[in-house]
Protein backbone atom coordinates (compact mmCIF):
# COMPACT_ATOMS: atom_id res chain seq x y z
CA MET A 1 -167.97 20.26 -111.75
CA PHE A 2 -164.81 20.30 -109.75
CA THR A 3 -162.42 23.02 -110.50
CA PRO A 4 -159.50 22.77 -108.05
CA LYS A 5 -157.52 25.68 -107.54
CA GLU A 6 -154.24 25.17 -110.01
CA LEU A 7 -150.50 27.10 -110.62
CA ILE A 8 -149.16 25.97 -114.01
CA LEU A 9 -145.26 26.45 -114.26
CA ARG A 10 -144.34 27.10 -117.65
CA PRO A 11 -140.96 27.40 -119.08
CA LYS A 12 -142.02 30.00 -122.46
CA PRO A 13 -144.47 32.79 -122.26
CA ALA A 14 -147.96 32.30 -122.57
CA SER A 15 -150.17 34.24 -124.64
CA LEU A 16 -153.00 36.13 -123.85
CA SER A 17 -155.56 33.36 -125.39
CA ASP A 18 -154.28 31.26 -123.15
CA PHE A 19 -156.43 33.61 -120.55
CA ASP A 20 -160.13 33.76 -119.55
CA LEU A 21 -160.11 37.38 -118.16
CA THR A 22 -163.81 37.60 -118.02
CA GLN A 23 -163.96 34.62 -115.43
CA PRO A 24 -162.60 34.41 -111.68
CA SER A 25 -158.86 33.46 -111.45
CA THR A 26 -159.10 29.68 -110.63
CA ARG A 27 -155.75 29.03 -112.29
CA ILE A 28 -152.61 30.93 -112.61
CA ILE A 29 -150.37 30.72 -115.29
CA ALA A 30 -146.40 31.15 -113.93
CA CYS A 31 -144.21 31.99 -117.09
CA PRO A 32 -141.41 34.32 -118.22
CA ASP A 33 -142.90 37.45 -119.67
CA PRO A 34 -146.38 36.93 -119.29
CA PRO A 35 -149.28 39.24 -120.79
CA ILE A 36 -149.22 42.54 -118.60
CA GLU A 37 -153.15 41.88 -118.85
CA ALA A 38 -153.41 38.86 -117.61
CA VAL A 39 -150.80 39.61 -114.64
CA ARG A 40 -153.15 42.63 -113.74
CA ALA A 41 -156.31 40.61 -113.77
CA GLY A 42 -154.69 37.95 -111.52
CA HIS A 43 -154.14 35.29 -113.97
CA ALA A 44 -150.92 34.94 -114.34
CA ILE A 45 -147.24 35.86 -112.45
CA ALA A 46 -143.88 36.00 -113.91
CA ILE A 47 -140.65 33.88 -113.11
CA PRO A 48 -137.70 34.93 -113.15
CA ASP A 49 -135.58 32.34 -114.95
CA ASN A 50 -135.92 28.11 -115.37
CA THR A 51 -134.20 27.83 -112.06
CA PHE A 52 -136.60 29.55 -109.66
CA ASN A 53 -137.58 28.43 -106.32
CA ILE A 54 -141.43 28.04 -106.03
CA ARG A 55 -141.53 29.09 -102.49
CA PRO A 56 -141.14 32.47 -102.72
CA LEU A 57 -143.73 32.32 -106.22
CA LEU A 58 -146.54 30.84 -104.00
CA LYS A 59 -146.42 33.98 -101.91
CA GLN A 60 -147.79 35.71 -105.05
CA LEU A 61 -150.81 33.61 -105.45
CA PRO A 62 -154.21 35.04 -104.11
CA PHE A 63 -154.96 31.33 -103.18
CA GLN A 64 -153.36 28.11 -101.95
CA PRO A 65 -153.09 25.82 -105.21
CA ASP A 66 -154.75 22.14 -105.07
CA LEU A 67 -152.47 21.32 -107.42
CA VAL A 68 -148.96 22.74 -109.24
CA SER A 69 -149.03 21.59 -112.62
CA LEU A 70 -146.17 21.26 -115.30
CA SER A 71 -145.14 19.46 -118.60
CA ALA A 72 -142.11 17.45 -119.62
CA ARG A 73 -141.43 19.70 -123.14
CA VAL A 74 -138.26 22.08 -122.13
CA MET A 75 -135.45 19.76 -120.35
CA THR A 76 -133.86 22.83 -118.95
CA PHE A 77 -136.78 24.10 -116.72
CA LEU A 78 -135.85 23.11 -113.31
CA PRO A 79 -138.23 24.43 -111.02
CA ARG A 80 -136.53 24.02 -107.18
CA GLY A 81 -138.48 22.95 -103.84
CA LEU A 82 -141.92 21.20 -105.88
CA HIS A 83 -141.00 18.83 -102.97
CA THR A 84 -141.61 21.00 -99.97
CA LEU A 85 -145.35 21.37 -100.77
CA ASN A 86 -148.41 20.66 -99.75
CA CYS A 87 -150.62 19.59 -102.84
CA PRO A 88 -149.28 17.20 -105.41
CA THR A 89 -147.38 18.21 -108.19
CA VAL A 90 -148.56 16.64 -111.67
CA MET A 91 -146.15 16.32 -114.71
CA LYS A 92 -147.77 16.18 -118.14
CA LEU A 93 -145.66 14.09 -120.18
CA GLY A 94 -145.26 15.46 -124.16
CA ASP A 95 -144.13 13.67 -127.32
CA THR A 96 -141.61 10.77 -126.80
CA PHE A 97 -142.24 9.88 -130.84
CA HIS A 98 -138.94 11.57 -132.05
CA LEU A 99 -136.16 13.14 -130.96
CA GLY A 100 -136.69 16.89 -131.62
CA ASP A 101 -138.12 17.43 -128.29
CA GLY A 102 -135.80 15.56 -126.25
CA GLY A 103 -136.27 12.05 -126.44
CA LEU A 104 -137.71 9.27 -124.56
CA SER A 105 -134.75 8.68 -122.23
CA ARG A 106 -134.04 12.25 -121.82
CA MET A 107 -137.55 12.82 -120.95
CA VAL A 108 -137.66 9.84 -118.71
CA SER A 109 -134.33 11.14 -116.68
CA TYR A 110 -135.96 15.04 -116.26
CA CYS A 111 -139.24 13.47 -114.73
CA LYS A 112 -136.91 11.30 -112.21
CA HIS A 113 -134.97 14.30 -111.59
CA LEU A 114 -138.03 16.61 -110.85
CA ASN A 115 -140.09 13.34 -109.01
CA CYS A 116 -143.53 14.86 -108.95
CA ASP A 117 -146.19 13.27 -107.66
CA TYR A 118 -148.49 12.23 -110.72
CA HIS A 119 -147.16 11.62 -114.53
CA TRP A 120 -149.71 11.37 -116.88
CA THR A 121 -150.06 11.68 -120.80
CA TYR A 122 -152.43 12.35 -123.27
CA GLN A 123 -150.83 10.93 -126.29
CA SER A 124 -150.34 6.95 -126.73
CA PRO A 125 -149.73 4.72 -123.31
CA GLN A 126 -147.08 2.66 -125.10
CA HIS A 127 -144.18 4.10 -123.33
CA LEU A 128 -145.26 5.06 -120.13
CA HIS A 129 -143.68 1.35 -118.98
CA PHE A 130 -140.70 3.17 -119.47
CA PHE A 131 -141.59 5.78 -116.95
CA THR A 132 -143.06 3.05 -114.31
CA GLU A 133 -139.61 1.02 -114.45
CA ALA A 134 -137.78 4.22 -113.71
CA GLY A 135 -139.56 4.41 -110.79
CA LEU A 136 -141.89 7.16 -111.24
CA ARG A 137 -144.76 7.65 -109.24
CA ASN A 138 -148.33 7.13 -110.01
CA VAL A 139 -148.20 7.00 -113.98
CA PHE A 140 -151.56 6.88 -115.93
CA TRP A 141 -152.85 7.96 -119.72
CA LEU A 142 -155.81 10.12 -120.31
CA PRO A 143 -156.96 10.30 -124.18
CA GLY A 144 -155.76 13.12 -126.09
CA SER A 145 -159.60 15.00 -126.26
CA ILE A 146 -158.44 16.85 -123.03
CA VAL A 147 -155.84 18.81 -124.63
CA ILE A 148 -157.68 20.04 -127.67
CA ASP A 149 -160.61 22.88 -127.20
CA PRO A 150 -164.03 22.15 -127.67
CA TYR A 151 -166.10 22.58 -130.92
CA ILE A 152 -169.54 22.37 -131.72
CA PRO A 153 -169.51 21.15 -135.70
CA GLN A 154 -172.27 22.77 -138.18
CA LEU A 155 -174.63 21.20 -140.55
CA SER A 156 -172.71 21.68 -144.02
CA GLU A 157 -172.50 19.98 -147.34
CA LYS A 158 -169.94 17.87 -148.50
CA GLN A 159 -167.81 20.01 -150.55
CA TYR A 160 -164.35 17.97 -150.44
CA ALA A 161 -163.97 14.19 -151.60
CA VAL A 162 -160.61 13.29 -149.68
CA ILE A 163 -158.47 15.84 -147.14
CA PHE A 164 -155.77 16.35 -145.07
CA ARG A 165 -155.27 19.17 -142.91
CA GLY A 166 -152.25 19.53 -141.00
CA SER A 167 -147.96 19.70 -141.48
CA GLU A 168 -146.17 17.64 -144.37
CA SER A 169 -142.80 18.87 -142.43
CA GLU A 170 -139.35 16.52 -142.86
CA LEU A 171 -140.45 15.26 -139.50
CA HIS A 172 -143.44 13.42 -140.63
CA GLN A 173 -141.97 11.23 -143.15
CA TYR A 174 -144.76 8.56 -143.42
CA ARG A 175 -147.24 11.22 -143.78
CA THR A 176 -145.84 12.51 -146.86
CA HIS A 177 -145.33 9.16 -148.21
CA ILE A 178 -149.03 7.88 -147.70
CA LEU A 179 -150.30 11.45 -149.00
CA ASN A 180 -148.34 10.90 -151.85
CA VAL A 181 -149.54 7.83 -152.75
CA VAL A 182 -152.91 8.84 -152.66
CA ARG A 183 -151.75 12.10 -154.87
CA THR A 184 -150.10 9.40 -157.43
CA SER A 185 -153.47 6.98 -157.32
CA GLY A 186 -155.50 9.56 -159.25
CA ILE A 187 -157.73 10.18 -155.88
CA ASP A 188 -158.58 13.81 -155.82
CA ILE A 189 -157.45 14.86 -152.52
CA ASP A 190 -157.25 18.05 -150.73
CA VAL A 191 -153.75 19.09 -148.57
CA CYS A 192 -153.17 21.75 -147.01
CA GLN A 193 -152.63 23.40 -143.50
CA LYS A 194 -155.24 25.46 -141.99
CA ASP A 195 -155.91 27.15 -138.24
CA TYR A 196 -157.60 24.84 -135.72
CA THR A 197 -161.74 26.23 -136.25
CA SER A 198 -161.00 25.91 -140.07
CA SER A 199 -159.46 22.66 -140.18
CA LEU A 200 -162.73 21.27 -138.07
CA GLU A 201 -165.22 22.93 -140.37
CA ASP A 202 -163.46 20.67 -143.38
CA TYR A 203 -163.52 17.56 -141.25
CA ALA A 204 -167.47 18.11 -141.39
CA LYS A 205 -167.21 19.04 -145.21
CA ALA A 206 -165.31 16.04 -146.27
CA ARG A 207 -166.31 12.87 -147.59
CA ILE A 208 -163.26 11.12 -145.77
CA VAL A 209 -160.18 12.55 -143.56
CA ILE A 210 -157.02 11.14 -143.78
CA ASN A 211 -155.08 10.73 -141.04
CA SER A 212 -151.26 9.39 -140.34
CA SER A 213 -149.57 9.30 -137.09
CA LEU A 214 -145.86 10.90 -136.42
CA ASN A 215 -144.95 7.45 -135.21
CA GLY A 216 -147.65 4.77 -134.60
CA ASP A 217 -148.86 7.05 -131.75
CA LEU A 218 -152.68 8.28 -131.13
CA ASN A 219 -152.35 11.76 -131.98
CA ARG A 220 -154.91 14.21 -131.69
CA ARG A 221 -156.36 14.42 -134.72
CA VAL A 222 -158.17 11.37 -134.21
CA PHE A 223 -160.43 13.24 -131.69
CA GLU A 224 -160.47 16.47 -133.79
CA VAL A 225 -162.43 14.80 -136.76
CA LEU A 226 -164.59 12.85 -134.13
CA MET A 227 -165.49 15.83 -132.55
CA ALA A 228 -166.09 17.78 -135.75
CA GLY A 229 -168.19 14.98 -137.09
CA GLY A 230 -166.06 13.90 -139.67
CA PHE A 231 -165.14 10.12 -141.26
CA LEU A 232 -161.94 9.59 -140.05
CA LEU A 233 -159.50 7.11 -142.22
CA THR A 234 -156.10 6.60 -139.77
CA ASP A 235 -153.57 4.38 -140.04
CA ARG A 236 -153.82 1.04 -137.98
CA ILE A 237 -150.90 1.71 -135.27
CA ARG A 238 -150.66 -1.08 -132.47
CA PRO A 239 -152.87 -1.87 -129.77
CA GLN A 240 -150.61 -0.61 -126.79
CA SER A 241 -151.29 2.76 -128.66
CA GLY A 242 -155.00 2.82 -126.72
CA LEU A 243 -156.67 3.72 -129.56
CA PHE A 244 -158.75 0.40 -130.07
CA GLU A 245 -159.49 0.26 -126.34
CA LEU A 246 -161.44 3.70 -127.14
CA PHE A 247 -163.24 3.33 -130.58
CA GLU A 248 -163.92 0.28 -132.57
CA GLU A 249 -162.61 -0.32 -136.04
CA GLY A 250 -165.54 -0.20 -138.67
CA LYS A 251 -167.97 1.22 -136.25
CA HIS A 252 -166.25 4.79 -135.17
CA PHE A 253 -163.69 5.18 -138.03
CA GLU A 254 -161.59 3.17 -140.50
CA CYS A 255 -158.11 2.21 -140.88
CA TYR A 256 -155.87 1.15 -143.52
CA GLY A 257 -152.57 -0.81 -142.72
CA ASN A 258 -150.82 -0.07 -145.98
CA GLU A 259 -150.85 1.71 -149.17
CA THR A 260 -152.81 -0.69 -150.99
CA GLU A 261 -155.24 -1.21 -147.86
CA LEU A 262 -155.46 2.86 -147.77
CA ILE A 263 -156.33 3.21 -151.85
CA GLU A 264 -159.29 0.23 -151.40
CA LYS A 265 -160.65 1.82 -148.50
CA ILE A 266 -160.93 5.47 -150.07
CA GLN A 267 -162.49 3.94 -153.09
CA PHE A 268 -164.93 1.92 -151.23
CA TYR A 269 -166.28 4.54 -148.78
CA LEU A 270 -166.18 7.22 -151.83
CA ALA A 271 -168.70 4.74 -153.45
CA ARG A 272 -170.67 4.10 -150.39
CA PRO A 273 -171.13 7.76 -148.87
CA GLN A 274 -174.04 6.58 -146.60
CA LYS A 275 -171.70 4.09 -145.00
CA ALA A 276 -169.27 6.54 -144.31
CA ASN A 277 -171.93 8.99 -142.82
CA GLN A 278 -173.03 6.11 -140.47
CA ILE A 279 -170.07 5.54 -139.27
CA ALA A 280 -168.81 9.27 -138.58
CA GLN A 281 -171.90 9.79 -136.70
CA ALA A 282 -171.32 6.91 -134.58
CA GLY A 283 -168.09 8.30 -134.04
CA HIS A 284 -169.10 11.68 -133.23
CA GLU A 285 -171.76 10.41 -131.02
CA HIS A 286 -169.00 7.88 -129.02
CA PHE A 287 -166.98 10.51 -128.50
CA LEU A 288 -169.39 13.08 -127.12
CA THR A 289 -170.45 10.53 -124.87
CA HIS A 290 -167.33 9.12 -123.54
CA TYR A 291 -164.30 11.81 -124.08
CA SER A 292 -165.18 15.44 -124.66
CA GLN A 293 -162.79 17.62 -123.11
CA PRO A 294 -164.75 18.15 -119.77
CA THR A 295 -165.26 14.32 -119.05
CA VAL A 296 -161.86 13.83 -119.43
CA GLN A 297 -160.83 16.96 -117.35
CA GLN A 298 -162.82 15.47 -115.00
CA GLN A 299 -161.20 12.33 -115.12
CA LEU A 300 -157.83 13.53 -114.56
CA TYR A 301 -159.02 15.73 -111.37
CA ARG A 302 -160.73 12.41 -110.18
CA SER A 303 -157.44 10.43 -110.78
CA ILE A 304 -155.62 12.98 -108.62
CA PHE A 305 -157.48 13.90 -105.84
CA ASN A 306 -159.64 10.26 -105.51
CA LYS A 307 -156.22 8.70 -105.50
CA LEU A 308 -157.92 6.13 -108.21
CA GLU A 309 -156.15 3.06 -108.82
CA PHE A 310 -154.82 3.62 -112.61
CA PRO A 311 -155.83 0.96 -115.65
CA LYS A 312 -153.15 -0.69 -116.88
CA HIS A 313 -153.05 -0.49 -120.88
CA ASP A 314 -150.32 -2.60 -121.53
CA ARG A 315 -149.90 -6.53 -121.25
CA ARG A 316 -146.49 -6.52 -121.74
CA LEU A 317 -143.91 -7.71 -118.77
CA HIS A 318 -142.39 -4.81 -117.74
CA THR A 319 -139.08 -4.94 -116.15
CA SER A 320 -136.37 -2.60 -114.92
CA THR A 321 -133.62 -4.79 -116.07
CA ARG A 322 -131.01 -3.07 -118.24
CA LEU A 323 -133.37 -0.12 -118.40
CA GLN A 324 -131.15 2.60 -119.85
CA THR A 325 -129.77 0.22 -122.47
CA ARG A 326 -133.41 -0.70 -123.38
CA LEU A 327 -133.95 3.46 -123.87
CA LYS A 328 -131.20 4.41 -126.15
CA LEU A 329 -131.65 1.19 -128.18
CA TYR A 330 -135.51 1.68 -128.71
CA GLU A 331 -135.37 5.54 -129.38
CA LEU A 332 -132.44 4.57 -132.00
CA ILE A 333 -134.88 1.72 -133.95
CA GLN A 334 -137.84 4.18 -133.44
CA GLU A 335 -136.19 7.15 -135.33
CA LEU A 336 -135.66 4.59 -138.28
CA HIS A 337 -138.89 3.33 -138.12
CA ARG A 338 -140.11 7.31 -138.36
CA ILE A 339 -138.15 7.52 -141.27
CA TYR A 340 -138.24 4.06 -143.14
CA PRO A 341 -142.30 3.33 -144.54
CA LYS A 342 -141.25 -0.32 -143.44
CA LEU A 343 -138.73 -1.95 -141.44
CA LYS A 344 -138.00 -5.70 -140.89
CA ILE A 345 -135.93 -6.38 -137.61
CA LEU A 346 -134.48 -9.31 -136.82
CA CYS A 347 -134.00 -10.08 -132.92
CA TRP A 348 -131.08 -12.72 -133.17
CA ARG A 349 -131.19 -14.30 -129.33
CA THR A 350 -131.97 -11.20 -128.01
CA CYS A 351 -133.83 -10.80 -124.62
CA SER A 352 -137.72 -11.24 -125.00
CA THR A 353 -137.90 -8.04 -123.14
CA ILE A 354 -136.23 -5.94 -125.96
CA VAL A 355 -138.30 -7.52 -128.61
CA ALA A 356 -141.29 -6.69 -126.52
CA ASP A 357 -140.46 -2.79 -126.18
CA LEU A 358 -140.24 -2.80 -130.08
CA ALA A 359 -143.23 -4.53 -130.55
CA ASP A 360 -145.76 -1.31 -130.39
CA LEU A 361 -143.84 0.20 -133.61
CA PRO A 362 -146.72 -0.86 -136.64
CA ARG A 363 -144.21 -0.76 -139.53
CA ALA A 364 -142.14 -3.06 -137.78
CA GLU A 365 -142.15 -6.44 -138.82
CA LEU A 366 -140.18 -8.30 -135.99
CA THR A 367 -138.80 -12.02 -136.05
CA HIS A 368 -137.49 -13.23 -133.08
CA VAL A 369 -134.91 -16.25 -133.46
CA VAL A 370 -134.53 -18.46 -130.15
CA ASP A 371 -132.81 -21.69 -128.92
CA SER A 372 -135.27 -24.66 -129.52
CA GLU A 373 -135.94 -25.21 -125.87
CA GLN A 374 -137.22 -21.64 -125.63
CA LEU A 375 -139.38 -21.69 -128.47
CA VAL A 376 -142.72 -22.72 -127.08
CA GLN A 377 -142.32 -20.50 -124.02
CA THR A 378 -141.51 -17.48 -125.83
CA GLN A 379 -144.44 -17.92 -128.32
CA THR A 380 -146.67 -18.47 -125.26
CA ASP A 381 -145.21 -14.99 -123.41
CA TYR A 382 -145.68 -12.76 -126.60
CA LEU A 383 -149.36 -14.71 -126.97
CA GLN A 384 -150.21 -13.48 -123.68
CA ALA A 385 -148.77 -10.26 -123.48
CA GLY A 386 -150.77 -9.67 -127.03
CA LEU A 387 -147.55 -8.97 -128.63
CA GLN A 388 -147.29 -9.68 -132.57
CA VAL A 389 -143.61 -11.06 -132.55
CA ASN A 390 -142.91 -14.00 -135.14
CA VAL A 391 -140.93 -16.32 -133.48
CA GLN A 392 -138.76 -19.05 -134.96
CA ASP A 393 -136.34 -21.84 -134.00
CA LEU A 394 -132.24 -20.88 -134.31
CA GLN A 395 -131.44 -23.58 -137.12
CA PRO A 396 -134.08 -22.94 -139.78
CA ASP A 397 -133.50 -19.97 -142.16
CA PRO A 398 -135.92 -17.04 -141.22
CA GLY A 399 -135.84 -16.31 -144.49
CA GLY A 400 -135.62 -12.79 -146.62
CA GLU A 401 -133.25 -9.52 -146.11
CA PHE A 402 -133.69 -7.61 -142.72
CA GLN A 403 -132.75 -3.76 -142.52
CA ILE A 404 -132.05 -3.95 -138.67
CA VAL A 405 -130.51 -7.13 -137.04
CA VAL A 406 -130.33 -7.03 -133.33
CA MET A 407 -128.05 -9.26 -130.90
CA SER A 408 -127.70 -9.80 -127.41
CA GLY A 409 -126.31 -12.20 -125.08
CA VAL A 410 -122.41 -12.42 -126.91
CA ASP A 411 -121.38 -16.04 -125.86
CA ARG A 412 -118.32 -17.74 -127.43
CA ALA A 413 -119.95 -18.72 -130.47
CA LEU A 414 -120.09 -14.81 -131.14
CA GLU A 415 -118.50 -15.02 -134.71
CA GLN A 416 -120.36 -18.10 -136.27
CA GLN A 417 -123.32 -16.06 -134.24
CA ILE A 418 -122.17 -12.96 -136.47
CA GLN A 419 -121.86 -14.58 -140.04
CA GLN A 420 -125.34 -16.10 -139.33
CA SER A 421 -126.86 -13.24 -138.92
CA THR A 422 -125.07 -10.83 -141.10
CA ASN A 423 -125.83 -13.16 -143.94
CA LEU A 424 -129.56 -12.18 -143.52
CA LEU A 425 -128.78 -8.35 -143.24
CA CYS A 426 -129.89 -6.20 -146.81
CA ASP A 427 -127.23 -3.92 -147.78
CA ARG A 428 -127.07 -0.85 -146.14
CA GLY A 429 -129.24 -2.09 -143.36
CA PHE A 430 -127.83 -2.04 -139.75
CA PHE A 431 -126.52 -4.51 -137.48
CA ILE A 432 -126.48 -3.55 -133.55
CA ILE A 433 -124.86 -5.77 -130.49
CA VAL A 434 -126.31 -4.95 -127.10
CA GLN A 435 -124.09 -4.98 -124.14
CA PRO A 436 -122.70 -7.09 -122.30
CA PHE A 437 -119.37 -7.51 -124.29
CA ASN A 438 -115.86 -6.87 -123.59
CA PHE A 439 -113.94 -3.77 -123.60
CA PHE A 440 -110.74 -5.45 -124.99
CA ALA A 441 -112.62 -8.00 -127.49
CA ILE A 442 -113.67 -4.83 -129.52
CA PRO A 443 -110.76 -5.11 -132.13
CA GLN A 444 -111.64 -8.65 -132.44
CA LEU A 445 -115.19 -8.08 -132.94
CA ASN A 446 -114.49 -5.32 -135.52
CA GLN A 447 -112.51 -7.70 -137.28
CA TRP A 448 -115.00 -10.57 -137.67
CA MET A 449 -117.70 -7.81 -138.46
CA ARG A 450 -115.42 -6.35 -141.36
CA ASN A 451 -115.55 -10.03 -142.70
CA GLN A 452 -118.86 -10.06 -143.40
CA ASN A 453 -118.72 -6.41 -144.86
CA CYS A 454 -119.89 -4.67 -141.78
CA ILE A 455 -118.28 -1.53 -140.29
CA PRO A 456 -118.52 0.36 -136.95
CA ILE A 457 -120.63 3.54 -137.60
CA GLN A 458 -121.64 6.64 -135.52
CA LEU A 459 -125.46 7.59 -136.22
CA SER A 460 -127.37 10.75 -136.46
CA ILE A 461 -130.70 11.83 -137.73
CA ARG A 462 -130.86 15.48 -139.25
CA LEU A 463 -133.92 17.36 -138.41
CA PHE A 464 -135.01 20.77 -138.85
CA ASN A 465 -131.33 21.78 -139.63
CA GLN A 466 -130.05 20.24 -136.52
CA ASN A 467 -128.06 16.78 -136.06
CA TYR A 468 -129.52 14.34 -133.09
CA ASP A 469 -127.24 11.43 -132.21
CA LEU A 470 -128.33 8.33 -132.15
CA ALA A 471 -125.76 6.91 -129.79
CA LEU A 472 -125.76 3.91 -127.71
CA GLU A 473 -122.91 4.95 -125.47
CA GLN A 474 -121.90 2.10 -123.64
CA HIS A 475 -125.10 0.34 -123.79
CA GLY A 476 -124.10 -1.33 -127.30
CA LEU A 477 -122.22 -0.95 -130.93
CA LEU A 478 -123.53 -0.33 -134.16
CA TYR A 479 -122.62 -1.25 -137.87
CA GLN A 480 -123.82 -0.96 -141.86
CA LYS A 481 -123.43 -3.66 -143.78
CA LEU A 482 -122.12 -2.62 -147.27
CA SER A 483 -121.94 -5.00 -150.45
CA ALA A 484 -118.56 -6.21 -151.11
CA GLN A 485 -117.81 -3.73 -154.27
CA ALA A 486 -119.20 -0.53 -151.74
CA ASP A 487 -117.16 2.23 -150.20
CA SER A 488 -118.06 4.75 -147.39
CA ALA A 489 -119.44 7.10 -149.92
CA ARG A 490 -122.88 4.55 -149.89
CA LEU A 491 -123.52 4.48 -146.28
CA GLN A 492 -126.18 6.74 -146.36
CA ASP A 493 -129.60 5.90 -148.26
CA LYS A 494 -131.74 8.61 -146.55
CA ALA A 495 -130.99 12.29 -146.52
CA ASP A 496 -132.30 12.45 -142.89
CA LEU A 497 -129.58 9.94 -141.58
CA VAL A 498 -125.87 10.93 -141.01
CA ILE A 499 -123.47 8.08 -141.00
CA THR A 500 -119.79 8.35 -140.08
CA GLU A 501 -117.54 5.37 -139.94
CA ILE A 502 -115.37 5.14 -136.73
CA ARG A 503 -112.53 3.60 -135.31
CA ALA A 504 -111.68 0.81 -132.90
CA SER A 505 -110.13 3.00 -130.92
CA ARG A 506 -112.90 5.82 -130.87
CA ILE A 507 -115.48 2.81 -130.09
CA ILE A 508 -113.05 1.74 -126.86
CA LYS A 509 -112.98 5.16 -125.61
CA THR A 510 -116.30 6.13 -125.69
CA GLN A 511 -117.25 2.88 -123.88
CA ILE A 512 -114.44 3.48 -121.24
CA LYS A 513 -115.70 7.32 -120.95
CA THR A 514 -119.34 6.59 -120.78
CA ALA A 515 -119.08 3.31 -118.24
CA PRO A 516 -121.02 3.63 -115.02
CA ILE A 517 -118.02 3.35 -113.06
CA ILE A 518 -116.07 5.80 -114.86
CA ARG A 519 -118.73 8.74 -114.95
CA CYS A 520 -119.02 8.42 -110.97
CA ILE A 521 -115.64 8.89 -110.96
CA LEU A 522 -115.38 11.97 -113.14
CA SER A 523 -118.47 13.21 -111.61
CA LEU A 524 -116.54 13.17 -107.99
CA ILE A 525 -113.55 14.46 -109.51
CA ARG A 526 -115.72 17.77 -110.83
CA LYS A 527 -117.48 18.01 -107.36
CA LEU A 528 -113.83 18.01 -105.41
CA ARG A 529 -112.50 20.67 -108.23
CA SER A 530 -115.72 22.54 -107.54
CA ARG A 531 -115.00 22.19 -103.43
CA PHE A 532 -111.56 23.00 -103.45
CA ARG A 533 -111.70 26.12 -105.69
């Protein structure tokens, strides 16, 4: 088994449990205030701050590292001199499924700034195309078992019918919704948060283990349940998540796509414990054979040192066109997807790349309205890319009410397009206009929108007592539809959303201030000022 000498850079202090002081030091953690025992044993060294130079640090090592690893978790952690190293630099990509850890667009910018040699994620691969489009090198995915501690399950009797082990925090909106559905159905479910080992023990003692992703991601609980030999019943996320490349639904685990299917699956397998045990055993054996922690760890090293060609997990046609605009739009809709159990999204004459970005959100029902001459080709493109998108002609009424309408490609018939599309938007739904548009046309645009009872807004999300802006900046405009009788007091229908009405003058000011040419001029002015101080 290949064990390279590794230097791991961390922005936060490591605990003593992160080190195995009984073994020779082949991996050293550099972090603020490391445990003194680990430093004395040669397993850790201290870093002075978040912007240290890595070259002096290397002189403290007892070996020349074969690779240097770090994670995109704390965006203020900016080690200097990585490009001067004679070994690969490897960036682990963290959680890109909500804004709490910095968000997708900020993580892409962070990785571009440090420009490591390799970039990999242990979570779902559906966001990797954004990193590739941004020009980052060697972007790849490994199954999440690489970041969990190995565990050997013990034979035990079933003590629980249905369990969930984990957090029900304000971050996990859909999970809380799902667990409440099970609770109110009369099914006996045990929900609590336990430590890692105790949770794994309970997975083997339960007839059914419920899992719910945070936001359509392939989370670690999938691997933990299968490693422990439990019967996994998880939400059916999109193929872009990679779940169905690793395991087979109905053979290694089971899925639910909505609340009704969830209850039906629970009742079915509680009544057929032998069938559930067969699936649990098959999933456990498949995990051990293909995705055990040591197996995937060696795969990581082979990928780096043997310079393997990384497999493509996503058939979407990726392009760097308007990447920043698409990132900002995706982040906004992804956060709405996190807090709403289901979203109906109408993409009105929107470019296919934007629609393809959104297709990995499992609880989003996408309808793409296009001109008649584009209908067949657009349907074919989505089909070949494996995307679930309902493509319709511009003329017929798509039917139903949508919570989000996205419009791009503004043309002379904008007023008519606004009238047609806003008629399909539900009360308190969100209307998004993606660039390009003319700064000077914003007052007229606002008037057209107000004629349709849509007001310009600023949107942010409240999470852990902090507000995170969902600002499109220069990339687009955001409106909310209110019924004719409603007032601004009805803007918010979710406690997590902070919605504020804004004036046209403020929109124009923001658009101008954040325009690329203006940002370049302001940056140049700041540099000149600092030089002549």
